[in-house]
Amino acid sequence: MAYTTCKDNVFHILGFLCLLLLIQKNNAAEFKVGDQKGWTVPDNTSSNSSLNAWAERNRFQKGDSLVFDYDASQDAVVQVTKEGYENCTAENPLATFNDGHTVFKINQYGAHYYFISGNRDHCQKNEKMEVRVLADRSTNATASPPSPGSSDMVPAPTPSSDESPPAGTVEINPTPPPTGPPPNSASSMFMSFFGSMGAFFASSLVLAI
C-alpha cells in the first residue's frame, strides 16, 4: 500500500513539472524581424522605418525568438560585437546564418545582441539591428540585508555615573518563617477516613429505605 502511494506521488510530481514546462514554453514569443518586410534594407534611413525602430517597439525577454526571413541568395544574418555593428564589419562574427529563415533564440536576460547583414553594402544602408533584452526583475525584488558594519546602527548608551548603585553594604532582611504549629498528617488521614465511611453508610441507608 505504501509503495503504491509513493508511486502515485512520483507521477503527480512529474505531471506537475511537465505542466510548468508547457506554461513556460507557451509564454515564449516569436518576433518576425521587420514584420512583413522581413530582414531587408529599409525603404529609407529615417528612424520610423529602420530595423532599430522595430526593435524598440517590442519587448524581448529570455526564451523569446527572433525570426529572420530573407533571400538567402542575396543576404545573410551575422551576429557581431558592438564594434562590428558600428563599423559594418563581419571579420570575427559571433555567428553567421544564411538559410533564408533563421530563428535566433534569446537565452540571456539583459543582453544586447547586434546583427548586421552579410552584405556589407546592405549593412551600410542600415540593414542592421540592435536588440536589448529585458532584465530579470526577480533578482531586484529581494532587498539585500544591511551589512554588519552599517553606520545606521546606533550603539546602546553606556550607563552614566549618576545611576550607579550607592557604595557600601546593603542590608537584606530575610522573610520570617510562618508561625503556628505544623499540620498534623495523621489527623488529616483520620478525618478523611471517617468522612469516606460516613458517606458509604449514608448511601447504604438510602438504598435500604
N, C-alpha and C. Protein backbone atom coordinates (compact mmCIF):
# COMPACT_ATOMS: atom_id res chain seq x y z
N MET A 1 0.83 -1.20 0.00
CA MET A 1 0.00 0.00 0.00
C MET A 1 0.87 1.26 0.00
N ALA A 2 1.92 1.27 0.84
CA ALA A 2 2.81 2.43 0.92
C ALA A 2 3.56 2.61 -0.39
N TYR A 3 3.96 1.49 -1.02
CA TYR A 3 4.67 1.58 -2.30
C TYR A 3 3.78 2.19 -3.38
N THR A 4 2.51 1.79 -3.40
CA THR A 4 1.57 2.34 -4.39
C THR A 4 1.38 3.83 -4.19
N THR A 5 1.25 4.27 -2.93
CA THR A 5 1.07 5.70 -2.64
C THR A 5 2.28 6.50 -3.08
N CYS A 6 3.47 5.99 -2.80
CA CYS A 6 4.71 6.67 -3.20
C CYS A 6 4.81 6.78 -4.71
N LYS A 7 4.43 5.70 -5.41
CA LYS A 7 4.48 5.70 -6.88
C LYS A 7 3.51 6.73 -7.44
N ASP A 8 2.31 6.83 -6.86
CA ASP A 8 1.35 7.82 -7.32
C ASP A 8 1.87 9.24 -7.12
N ASN A 9 2.53 9.48 -5.98
CA ASN A 9 3.07 10.81 -5.72
C ASN A 9 4.14 11.19 -6.73
N VAL A 10 4.97 10.22 -7.13
CA VAL A 10 6.00 10.49 -8.13
C VAL A 10 5.37 10.89 -9.45
N PHE A 11 4.32 10.18 -9.86
CA PHE A 11 3.65 10.51 -11.12
C PHE A 11 3.01 11.89 -11.05
N HIS A 12 2.47 12.26 -9.90
CA HIS A 12 1.86 13.58 -9.74
C HIS A 12 2.91 14.67 -9.86
N ILE A 13 4.07 14.46 -9.26
CA ILE A 13 5.14 15.45 -9.32
C ILE A 13 5.64 15.61 -10.75
N LEU A 14 5.83 14.48 -11.46
CA LEU A 14 6.29 14.55 -12.84
C LEU A 14 5.26 15.28 -13.73
N GLY A 15 3.99 15.01 -13.49
CA GLY A 15 2.96 15.69 -14.26
C GLY A 15 2.95 17.19 -14.01
N PHE A 16 3.19 17.58 -12.76
CA PHE A 16 3.24 19.00 -12.42
C PHE A 16 4.42 19.69 -13.09
N LEU A 17 5.58 19.02 -13.12
CA LEU A 17 6.76 19.60 -13.77
C LEU A 17 6.54 19.75 -15.27
N CYS A 18 5.89 18.76 -15.89
CA CYS A 18 5.59 18.87 -17.32
C CYS A 18 4.65 20.04 -17.60
N LEU A 19 3.70 20.25 -16.70
CA LEU A 19 2.78 21.37 -16.87
C LEU A 19 3.52 22.70 -16.79
N LEU A 20 4.48 22.82 -15.86
CA LEU A 20 5.26 24.05 -15.75
C LEU A 20 6.07 24.30 -17.01
N LEU A 21 6.65 23.23 -17.59
CA LEU A 21 7.42 23.40 -18.82
C LEU A 21 6.54 23.86 -19.96
N LEU A 22 5.32 23.34 -20.04
CA LEU A 22 4.41 23.75 -21.10
C LEU A 22 4.01 25.21 -20.94
N ILE A 23 3.78 25.62 -19.70
CA ILE A 23 3.41 27.02 -19.45
C ILE A 23 4.54 27.95 -19.84
N GLN A 24 5.78 27.57 -19.47
CA GLN A 24 6.92 28.39 -19.82
C GLN A 24 7.11 28.47 -21.32
N LYS A 25 6.88 27.37 -22.02
CA LYS A 25 7.02 27.35 -23.46
C LYS A 25 5.96 28.21 -24.12
N ASN A 26 4.74 28.17 -23.58
CA ASN A 26 3.66 28.97 -24.15
C ASN A 26 3.89 30.46 -23.92
N ASN A 27 4.59 30.83 -22.85
CA ASN A 27 4.85 32.23 -22.58
C ASN A 27 5.90 32.81 -23.51
N ALA A 28 6.76 31.99 -24.10
CA ALA A 28 7.78 32.48 -25.03
C ALA A 28 7.11 32.93 -26.32
N ALA A 29 7.65 33.99 -26.90
CA ALA A 29 7.06 34.58 -28.10
C ALA A 29 8.06 34.56 -29.25
N GLU A 30 7.53 34.57 -30.47
CA GLU A 30 8.35 34.67 -31.67
C GLU A 30 8.09 36.03 -32.32
N PHE A 31 9.17 36.72 -32.66
CA PHE A 31 9.07 38.03 -33.28
C PHE A 31 9.68 37.96 -34.68
N LYS A 32 8.86 38.28 -35.66
CA LYS A 32 9.36 38.32 -37.03
C LYS A 32 10.03 39.67 -37.26
N VAL A 33 11.33 39.63 -37.49
CA VAL A 33 12.11 40.86 -37.63
C VAL A 33 11.62 41.65 -38.83
N GLY A 34 11.31 42.94 -38.59
CA GLY A 34 10.85 43.80 -39.66
C GLY A 34 9.41 43.60 -40.07
N ASP A 35 8.69 42.77 -39.32
CA ASP A 35 7.28 42.47 -39.63
C ASP A 35 7.15 41.92 -41.05
N GLN A 36 6.29 42.50 -41.88
CA GLN A 36 6.03 41.96 -43.21
C GLN A 36 7.22 42.13 -44.17
N LYS A 37 7.99 43.16 -43.97
CA LYS A 37 9.13 43.40 -44.87
C LYS A 37 10.27 42.43 -44.62
N GLY A 38 10.37 41.93 -43.40
CA GLY A 38 11.42 40.98 -43.09
C GLY A 38 12.78 41.63 -42.94
N TRP A 39 13.80 40.77 -43.03
CA TRP A 39 15.20 41.22 -42.88
C TRP A 39 15.69 41.72 -44.24
N THR A 40 15.61 43.04 -44.43
CA THR A 40 15.97 43.64 -45.71
C THR A 40 16.41 45.07 -45.50
N VAL A 41 16.86 45.71 -46.56
CA VAL A 41 17.27 47.11 -46.49
C VAL A 41 16.03 47.98 -46.28
N PRO A 42 16.05 48.88 -45.31
CA PRO A 42 14.88 49.75 -45.09
C PRO A 42 14.60 50.62 -46.31
N ASP A 43 13.35 51.06 -46.39
CA ASP A 43 12.96 51.93 -47.51
C ASP A 43 13.75 53.22 -47.50
N ASN A 44 13.97 53.75 -46.30
CA ASN A 44 14.83 54.94 -46.17
C ASN A 44 15.51 54.87 -44.81
N THR A 45 16.34 55.80 -44.52
CA THR A 45 17.15 55.76 -43.30
C THR A 45 16.48 56.49 -42.14
N SER A 46 15.24 56.87 -42.28
CA SER A 46 14.56 57.57 -41.19
C SER A 46 14.34 56.61 -40.02
N SER A 47 14.22 57.15 -38.83
CA SER A 47 14.10 56.33 -37.62
C SER A 47 12.80 55.54 -37.59
N ASN A 48 11.78 56.02 -38.30
CA ASN A 48 10.47 55.35 -38.26
C ASN A 48 10.45 54.05 -39.06
N SER A 49 11.34 53.90 -40.01
CA SER A 49 11.31 52.71 -40.86
C SER A 49 12.52 51.81 -40.68
N SER A 50 13.45 52.18 -39.82
CA SER A 50 14.64 51.38 -39.64
C SER A 50 14.34 50.14 -38.81
N LEU A 51 15.22 49.17 -38.89
CA LEU A 51 15.05 47.93 -38.11
C LEU A 51 15.20 48.20 -36.61
N ASN A 52 16.00 49.17 -36.25
CA ASN A 52 16.13 49.51 -34.83
C ASN A 52 14.84 50.09 -34.28
N ALA A 53 14.11 50.83 -35.10
CA ALA A 53 12.82 51.35 -34.65
C ALA A 53 11.86 50.20 -34.39
N TRP A 54 11.92 49.17 -35.24
CA TRP A 54 11.08 47.98 -35.00
C TRP A 54 11.47 47.31 -33.69
N ALA A 55 12.77 47.19 -33.43
CA ALA A 55 13.22 46.53 -32.20
C ALA A 55 12.82 47.32 -30.97
N GLU A 56 12.82 48.65 -31.06
CA GLU A 56 12.47 49.47 -29.91
C GLU A 56 10.97 49.40 -29.60
N ARG A 57 10.16 49.07 -30.58
CA ARG A 57 8.72 48.96 -30.34
C ARG A 57 8.34 47.67 -29.63
N ASN A 58 9.25 46.73 -29.56
CA ASN A 58 8.95 45.43 -28.94
C ASN A 58 9.71 45.26 -27.63
N ARG A 59 9.23 44.32 -26.84
CA ARG A 59 9.86 44.00 -25.55
C ARG A 59 10.27 42.55 -25.58
N PHE A 60 11.56 42.31 -25.54
CA PHE A 60 12.09 40.96 -25.66
C PHE A 60 12.50 40.44 -24.29
N GLN A 61 12.20 39.16 -24.08
CA GLN A 61 12.57 38.50 -22.83
C GLN A 61 13.32 37.21 -23.13
N LYS A 62 13.95 36.69 -22.10
CA LYS A 62 14.65 35.42 -22.23
C LYS A 62 13.66 34.33 -22.61
N GLY A 63 14.01 33.53 -23.62
CA GLY A 63 13.12 32.49 -24.11
C GLY A 63 12.42 32.85 -25.40
N ASP A 64 12.36 34.15 -25.71
CA ASP A 64 11.74 34.59 -26.97
C ASP A 64 12.66 34.25 -28.15
N SER A 65 12.10 34.32 -29.35
CA SER A 65 12.86 34.01 -30.57
C SER A 65 12.71 35.13 -31.58
N LEU A 66 13.79 35.40 -32.31
CA LEU A 66 13.79 36.35 -33.41
C LEU A 66 13.80 35.56 -34.71
N VAL A 67 12.85 35.86 -35.60
CA VAL A 67 12.75 35.14 -36.87
C VAL A 67 13.18 36.08 -38.00
N PHE A 68 14.24 35.70 -38.70
CA PHE A 68 14.75 36.49 -39.82
C PHE A 68 14.34 35.79 -41.12
N ASP A 69 13.55 36.47 -41.93
CA ASP A 69 13.19 35.98 -43.26
C ASP A 69 13.86 36.85 -44.31
N TYR A 70 14.58 36.22 -45.26
CA TYR A 70 15.35 36.98 -46.24
C TYR A 70 15.67 36.07 -47.43
N ASP A 71 16.18 36.67 -48.46
CA ASP A 71 16.60 35.94 -49.66
C ASP A 71 18.03 35.45 -49.44
N ALA A 72 18.18 34.14 -49.25
CA ALA A 72 19.49 33.59 -48.92
C ALA A 72 20.51 33.79 -50.05
N SER A 73 20.06 34.00 -51.26
CA SER A 73 20.99 34.21 -52.38
C SER A 73 21.53 35.64 -52.42
N GLN A 74 20.88 36.54 -51.69
CA GLN A 74 21.28 37.94 -51.72
C GLN A 74 21.72 38.47 -50.34
N ASP A 75 21.43 37.72 -49.30
CA ASP A 75 21.62 38.28 -47.97
C ASP A 75 21.99 37.19 -46.97
N ALA A 76 22.27 37.63 -45.74
CA ALA A 76 22.60 36.73 -44.63
C ALA A 76 22.42 37.50 -43.33
N VAL A 77 22.46 36.78 -42.24
CA VAL A 77 22.38 37.39 -40.90
C VAL A 77 23.67 37.07 -40.16
N VAL A 78 24.30 38.10 -39.64
CA VAL A 78 25.57 37.93 -38.93
C VAL A 78 25.45 38.56 -37.55
N GLN A 79 25.71 37.78 -36.52
CA GLN A 79 25.76 38.31 -35.16
C GLN A 79 27.18 38.76 -34.87
N VAL A 80 27.32 40.02 -34.46
CA VAL A 80 28.65 40.60 -34.26
C VAL A 80 28.70 41.31 -32.91
N THR A 81 29.87 41.84 -32.62
CA THR A 81 30.04 42.66 -31.42
C THR A 81 29.55 44.08 -31.71
N LYS A 82 29.57 44.92 -30.69
CA LYS A 82 29.15 46.30 -30.86
C LYS A 82 30.05 47.02 -31.86
N GLU A 83 31.33 46.74 -31.81
CA GLU A 83 32.27 47.38 -32.75
C GLU A 83 31.97 46.94 -34.18
N GLY A 84 31.71 45.64 -34.38
CA GLY A 84 31.38 45.17 -35.71
C GLY A 84 30.06 45.76 -36.20
N TYR A 85 29.14 45.99 -35.27
CA TYR A 85 27.86 46.59 -35.63
C TYR A 85 28.05 48.03 -36.10
N GLU A 86 28.85 48.78 -35.38
CA GLU A 86 29.04 50.19 -35.72
C GLU A 86 29.83 50.37 -37.01
N ASN A 87 30.75 49.45 -37.31
CA ASN A 87 31.61 49.60 -38.49
C ASN A 87 31.18 48.72 -39.66
N CYS A 88 30.10 47.94 -39.47
CA CYS A 88 29.62 47.02 -40.52
C CYS A 88 30.73 46.07 -40.97
N THR A 89 31.40 45.50 -40.00
CA THR A 89 32.47 44.54 -40.30
C THR A 89 32.10 43.20 -39.69
N ALA A 90 32.29 42.15 -40.46
CA ALA A 90 31.96 40.79 -40.01
C ALA A 90 33.18 39.89 -40.08
N GLU A 91 34.34 40.46 -39.75
CA GLU A 91 35.58 39.68 -39.83
C GLU A 91 35.63 38.61 -38.75
N ASN A 92 35.18 38.94 -37.58
CA ASN A 92 35.17 37.98 -36.46
C ASN A 92 33.75 37.84 -35.93
N PRO A 93 32.87 37.20 -36.68
CA PRO A 93 31.46 37.12 -36.26
C PRO A 93 31.28 36.17 -35.10
N LEU A 94 30.26 36.46 -34.30
CA LEU A 94 29.87 35.54 -33.23
C LEU A 94 29.05 34.38 -33.79
N ALA A 95 28.29 34.64 -34.85
CA ALA A 95 27.51 33.59 -35.51
C ALA A 95 27.11 34.11 -36.89
N THR A 96 26.97 33.20 -37.85
CA THR A 96 26.57 33.54 -39.21
C THR A 96 25.47 32.60 -39.66
N PHE A 97 24.41 33.15 -40.26
CA PHE A 97 23.28 32.36 -40.74
C PHE A 97 22.97 32.78 -42.19
N ASN A 98 22.73 31.78 -43.03
CA ASN A 98 22.41 32.08 -44.43
C ASN A 98 21.41 31.07 -45.01
N ASP A 99 20.47 30.65 -44.17
CA ASP A 99 19.49 29.65 -44.61
C ASP A 99 18.19 30.27 -45.12
N GLY A 100 18.05 31.59 -45.04
CA GLY A 100 16.85 32.26 -45.53
C GLY A 100 15.72 32.34 -44.52
N HIS A 101 15.75 31.50 -43.51
CA HIS A 101 14.74 31.53 -42.43
C HIS A 101 15.46 31.18 -41.13
N THR A 102 16.00 32.19 -40.51
CA THR A 102 16.82 32.00 -39.31
C THR A 102 15.99 32.27 -38.07
N VAL A 103 16.02 31.34 -37.15
CA VAL A 103 15.34 31.51 -35.86
C VAL A 103 16.43 31.62 -34.79
N PHE A 104 16.52 32.78 -34.19
CA PHE A 104 17.53 33.05 -33.17
C PHE A 104 16.84 33.12 -31.81
N LYS A 105 17.23 32.24 -30.89
CA LYS A 105 16.59 32.20 -29.58
C LYS A 105 17.38 33.03 -28.58
N ILE A 106 16.66 33.88 -27.86
CA ILE A 106 17.27 34.72 -26.83
C ILE A 106 17.42 33.88 -25.55
N ASN A 107 18.64 33.77 -25.06
CA ASN A 107 18.90 32.90 -23.91
C ASN A 107 19.55 33.61 -22.74
N GLN A 108 19.44 34.94 -22.71
CA GLN A 108 20.09 35.67 -21.62
C GLN A 108 19.31 36.93 -21.29
N TYR A 109 19.12 37.17 -19.97
CA TYR A 109 18.45 38.39 -19.53
C TYR A 109 19.39 39.59 -19.67
N GLY A 110 18.81 40.74 -19.99
CA GLY A 110 19.57 41.99 -20.00
C GLY A 110 20.68 42.05 -21.04
N ALA A 111 20.64 41.18 -22.04
CA ALA A 111 21.71 41.14 -23.04
C ALA A 111 21.47 42.14 -24.16
N HIS A 112 22.55 42.49 -24.85
CA HIS A 112 22.49 43.30 -26.06
C HIS A 112 23.00 42.44 -27.21
N TYR A 113 22.16 42.26 -28.22
CA TYR A 113 22.54 41.49 -29.39
C TYR A 113 22.67 42.45 -30.58
N TYR A 114 23.70 42.22 -31.38
CA TYR A 114 23.95 43.06 -32.54
C TYR A 114 23.96 42.18 -33.80
N PHE A 115 23.13 42.58 -34.77
CA PHE A 115 23.02 41.84 -36.02
C PHE A 115 23.26 42.79 -37.19
N ILE A 116 23.97 42.31 -38.18
CA ILE A 116 24.18 43.07 -39.40
C ILE A 116 23.94 42.15 -40.59
N SER A 117 23.75 42.76 -41.75
CA SER A 117 23.58 41.98 -42.97
C SER A 117 24.94 41.39 -43.39
N GLY A 118 24.88 40.20 -43.97
CA GLY A 118 26.11 39.61 -44.50
C GLY A 118 26.62 40.34 -45.72
N ASN A 119 25.79 41.18 -46.31
CA ASN A 119 26.18 42.02 -47.44
C ASN A 119 26.59 43.39 -46.88
N ARG A 120 27.84 43.72 -47.01
CA ARG A 120 28.35 44.96 -46.42
C ARG A 120 27.61 46.18 -46.96
N ASP A 121 27.29 46.18 -48.24
CA ASP A 121 26.58 47.30 -48.83
C ASP A 121 25.19 47.44 -48.20
N HIS A 122 24.54 46.32 -47.89
CA HIS A 122 23.23 46.37 -47.22
C HIS A 122 23.37 46.91 -45.80
N CYS A 123 24.42 46.50 -45.14
CA CYS A 123 24.63 46.97 -43.76
C CYS A 123 24.84 48.47 -43.73
N GLN A 124 25.59 48.99 -44.68
CA GLN A 124 25.82 50.43 -44.73
C GLN A 124 24.56 51.21 -45.06
N LYS A 125 23.55 50.51 -45.56
CA LYS A 125 22.24 51.13 -45.81
C LYS A 125 21.26 50.84 -44.68
N ASN A 126 21.82 50.56 -43.52
CA ASN A 126 21.05 50.37 -42.27
C ASN A 126 20.29 49.05 -42.20
N GLU A 127 20.76 48.05 -42.90
CA GLU A 127 20.21 46.71 -42.63
C GLU A 127 21.03 46.10 -41.48
N LYS A 128 20.77 46.60 -40.33
CA LYS A 128 21.42 46.13 -39.11
C LYS A 128 20.50 46.46 -37.95
N MET A 129 20.70 45.78 -36.85
CA MET A 129 19.75 45.92 -35.74
C MET A 129 20.41 45.63 -34.41
N GLU A 130 20.03 46.41 -33.43
CA GLU A 130 20.46 46.20 -32.04
C GLU A 130 19.24 45.77 -31.23
N VAL A 131 19.36 44.68 -30.50
CA VAL A 131 18.26 44.13 -29.71
C VAL A 131 18.65 44.18 -28.24
N ARG A 132 17.79 44.79 -27.45
CA ARG A 132 18.02 44.87 -26.00
C ARG A 132 16.98 44.00 -25.29
N VAL A 133 17.45 43.12 -24.44
CA VAL A 133 16.58 42.18 -23.74
C VAL A 133 16.30 42.72 -22.35
N LEU A 134 15.06 42.54 -21.91
CA LEU A 134 14.68 42.99 -20.57
C LEU A 134 15.47 42.25 -19.51
N ALA A 135 15.74 42.94 -18.42
CA ALA A 135 16.46 42.33 -17.30
C ALA A 135 15.52 41.45 -16.50
N ASP A 136 16.09 40.55 -15.73
CA ASP A 136 15.31 39.68 -14.86
C ASP A 136 14.90 40.46 -13.63
N ARG A 137 13.60 40.77 -13.52
CA ARG A 137 13.13 41.58 -12.40
C ARG A 137 13.10 40.83 -11.08
N SER A 138 13.10 39.52 -11.12
CA SER A 138 13.03 38.74 -9.87
C SER A 138 14.27 38.94 -9.03
N THR A 139 15.42 39.26 -9.66
CA THR A 139 16.65 39.45 -8.88
C THR A 139 16.64 40.76 -8.12
N ASN A 140 15.81 41.73 -8.57
CA ASN A 140 15.75 43.01 -7.89
C ASN A 140 14.65 43.09 -6.85
N ALA A 141 13.81 42.02 -6.80
CA ALA A 141 12.68 42.06 -5.86
C ALA A 141 13.11 41.84 -4.43
N THR A 142 14.20 41.09 -4.23
CA THR A 142 14.66 40.77 -2.89
C THR A 142 15.66 41.80 -2.44
N ALA A 143 15.36 42.49 -1.37
CA ALA A 143 16.28 43.51 -0.86
C ALA A 143 17.40 42.84 -0.11
N SER A 144 18.62 43.39 -0.26
CA SER A 144 19.78 42.82 0.41
C SER A 144 19.77 43.26 1.86
N PRO A 145 20.13 42.36 2.80
CA PRO A 145 20.14 42.73 4.21
C PRO A 145 21.26 43.70 4.49
N PRO A 146 21.11 44.56 5.50
CA PRO A 146 22.17 45.52 5.83
C PRO A 146 23.42 44.82 6.30
N SER A 147 24.56 45.40 6.00
CA SER A 147 25.84 44.83 6.39
C SER A 147 26.03 44.99 7.88
N PRO A 148 26.85 44.09 8.49
CA PRO A 148 27.05 44.20 9.94
C PRO A 148 27.66 45.51 10.37
N GLY A 149 28.48 46.12 9.48
CA GLY A 149 29.14 47.37 9.84
C GLY A 149 28.39 48.59 9.39
N SER A 150 27.10 48.50 9.21
CA SER A 150 26.32 49.63 8.71
C SER A 150 26.35 50.77 9.70
N SER A 151 26.44 51.99 9.14
CA SER A 151 26.51 53.17 10.00
C SER A 151 25.16 53.54 10.58
N ASP A 152 24.07 52.89 10.10
CA ASP A 152 22.75 53.22 10.62
C ASP A 152 22.52 52.66 12.02
N MET A 153 23.33 51.71 12.43
CA MET A 153 23.14 51.11 13.74
C MET A 153 23.71 52.03 14.82
N VAL A 154 22.90 52.39 15.80
CA VAL A 154 23.31 53.28 16.88
C VAL A 154 23.66 52.44 18.09
N PRO A 155 24.87 52.58 18.65
CA PRO A 155 25.24 51.77 19.82
C PRO A 155 24.41 52.16 21.03
N ALA A 156 24.18 51.21 21.91
CA ALA A 156 23.42 51.44 23.13
C ALA A 156 24.20 52.36 24.06
N PRO A 157 23.54 53.33 24.70
CA PRO A 157 24.25 54.26 25.60
C PRO A 157 24.75 53.54 26.84
N THR A 158 25.93 53.95 27.27
CA THR A 158 26.50 53.37 28.49
C THR A 158 25.90 54.05 29.70
N PRO A 159 25.70 53.33 30.78
CA PRO A 159 25.10 53.95 31.98
C PRO A 159 25.99 55.03 32.56
N SER A 160 25.38 56.14 32.93
CA SER A 160 26.14 57.25 33.49
C SER A 160 26.51 56.97 34.94
N SER A 161 27.43 57.77 35.43
CA SER A 161 27.90 57.55 36.80
C SER A 161 26.83 57.90 37.83
N ASP A 162 25.84 58.77 37.42
CA ASP A 162 24.80 59.14 38.38
C ASP A 162 23.88 57.99 38.70
N GLU A 163 23.79 57.00 37.81
CA GLU A 163 22.86 55.90 38.01
C GLU A 163 23.53 54.70 38.65
N SER A 164 24.79 54.79 39.04
CA SER A 164 25.49 53.66 39.66
C SER A 164 24.93 53.40 41.05
N PRO A 165 24.94 52.16 41.51
CA PRO A 165 24.38 51.85 42.83
C PRO A 165 25.19 52.49 43.93
N PRO A 166 24.58 52.85 45.06
CA PRO A 166 25.31 53.50 46.17
C PRO A 166 26.34 52.56 46.76
N ALA A 167 27.43 53.19 47.18
CA ALA A 167 28.52 52.41 47.77
C ALA A 167 28.11 51.93 49.16
N GLY A 168 28.82 50.90 49.65
CA GLY A 168 28.54 50.35 50.96
C GLY A 168 27.75 49.08 50.90
N THR A 169 27.48 48.50 52.03
CA THR A 169 26.75 47.24 52.09
C THR A 169 25.26 47.51 52.10
N VAL A 170 24.52 46.56 51.57
CA VAL A 170 23.06 46.65 51.55
C VAL A 170 22.51 45.61 52.51
N GLU A 171 21.70 46.06 53.46
CA GLU A 171 21.16 45.15 54.46
C GLU A 171 19.93 44.44 53.91
N ILE A 172 19.95 43.13 53.93
CA ILE A 172 18.87 42.31 53.41
C ILE A 172 18.16 41.65 54.57
N ASN A 173 16.85 41.86 54.70
CA ASN A 173 16.06 41.27 55.76
C ASN A 173 15.38 40.01 55.24
N PRO A 174 15.74 38.84 55.76
CA PRO A 174 15.11 37.61 55.28
C PRO A 174 13.65 37.54 55.71
N THR A 175 12.84 36.89 54.92
CA THR A 175 11.42 36.72 55.22
C THR A 175 11.25 35.75 56.38
N PRO A 176 10.54 36.14 57.45
CA PRO A 176 10.39 35.23 58.61
C PRO A 176 9.55 34.04 58.24
N PRO A 177 9.83 32.89 58.82
CA PRO A 177 9.05 31.68 58.53
C PRO A 177 7.65 31.82 59.09
N PRO A 178 6.66 31.10 58.51
CA PRO A 178 5.28 31.19 59.02
C PRO A 178 5.18 30.64 60.44
N THR A 179 4.35 31.33 61.25
CA THR A 179 4.16 30.94 62.65
C THR A 179 3.00 29.97 62.77
N GLY A 180 2.93 29.29 63.89
CA GLY A 180 1.83 28.35 64.15
C GLY A 180 2.33 26.93 64.04
N PRO A 181 1.64 26.00 64.63
CA PRO A 181 2.06 24.59 64.61
C PRO A 181 1.90 23.99 63.24
N PRO A 182 2.80 23.10 62.85
CA PRO A 182 2.69 22.46 61.54
C PRO A 182 1.49 21.54 61.50
N PRO A 183 0.91 21.34 60.30
CA PRO A 183 -0.28 20.46 60.21
C PRO A 183 0.08 19.04 60.56
N ASN A 184 -0.86 18.38 61.20
CA ASN A 184 -0.67 17.01 61.61
C ASN A 184 -1.19 16.10 60.52
N SER A 185 -0.31 15.34 59.89
CA SER A 185 -0.69 14.49 58.78
C SER A 185 -1.54 13.31 59.23
N ALA A 186 -1.29 12.83 60.43
CA ALA A 186 -2.06 11.70 60.94
C ALA A 186 -3.52 12.08 61.16
N SER A 187 -3.74 13.28 61.70
CA SER A 187 -5.12 13.69 61.93
C SER A 187 -5.85 13.93 60.61
N SER A 188 -5.14 14.39 59.60
CA SER A 188 -5.77 14.61 58.29
C SER A 188 -6.22 13.29 57.69
N MET A 189 -5.39 12.26 57.77
CA MET A 189 -5.76 10.96 57.25
C MET A 189 -6.94 10.38 58.03
N PHE A 190 -6.97 10.61 59.33
CA PHE A 190 -8.04 10.09 60.17
C PHE A 190 -9.39 10.71 59.79
N MET A 191 -9.39 12.01 59.60
CA MET A 191 -10.63 12.69 59.24
C MET A 191 -11.09 12.28 57.84
N SER A 192 -10.13 12.08 56.93
CA SER A 192 -10.51 11.67 55.57
C SER A 192 -11.13 10.29 55.59
N PHE A 193 -10.61 9.36 56.44
CA PHE A 193 -11.14 8.00 56.51
C PHE A 193 -12.57 8.01 57.03
N PHE A 194 -12.82 8.76 58.11
CA PHE A 194 -14.16 8.79 58.67
C PHE A 194 -15.15 9.49 57.76
N GLY A 195 -14.67 10.47 56.99
CA GLY A 195 -15.57 11.11 56.05
C GLY A 195 -16.02 10.15 54.97
N SER A 196 -15.10 9.32 54.48
CA SER A 196 -15.46 8.33 53.46
C SER A 196 -16.43 7.30 54.00
N MET A 197 -16.19 6.83 55.25
CA MET A 197 -17.07 5.84 55.85
C MET A 197 -18.47 6.42 56.07
N GLY A 198 -18.54 7.66 56.46
CA GLY A 198 -19.84 8.29 56.67
C GLY A 198 -20.64 8.36 55.39
N ALA A 199 -19.96 8.69 54.30
CA ALA A 199 -20.65 8.77 53.01
C ALA A 199 -21.13 7.40 52.58
N PHE A 200 -20.33 6.35 52.87
CA PHE A 200 -20.71 5.00 52.49
C PHE A 200 -21.97 4.55 53.22
N PHE A 201 -22.00 4.79 54.56
CA PHE A 201 -23.16 4.38 55.34
C PHE A 201 -24.40 5.18 54.96
N ALA A 202 -24.24 6.42 54.62
CA ALA A 202 -25.40 7.23 54.23
C ALA A 202 -26.01 6.71 52.95
N SER A 203 -25.16 6.35 51.98
CA SER A 203 -25.70 5.84 50.71
C SER A 203 -26.35 4.47 50.94
N SER A 204 -25.82 3.64 51.86
CA SER A 204 -26.44 2.34 52.15
C SER A 204 -27.80 2.53 52.79
N LEU A 205 -27.92 3.50 53.66
CA LEU A 205 -29.18 3.77 54.31
C LEU A 205 -30.24 4.20 53.30
N VAL A 206 -29.86 5.00 52.35
CA VAL A 206 -30.82 5.46 51.34
C VAL A 206 -31.29 4.29 50.51
N LEU A 207 -30.43 3.39 50.18
CA LEU A 207 -30.82 2.23 49.37
C LEU A 207 -31.74 1.30 50.15
N ALA A 208 -31.51 1.17 51.46
CA ALA A 208 -32.34 0.28 52.28
C ALA A 208 -33.76 0.84 52.39
N ILE A 209 -33.90 2.14 52.49
CA ILE A 209 -35.23 2.74 52.60
C ILE A 209 -35.97 2.59 51.27
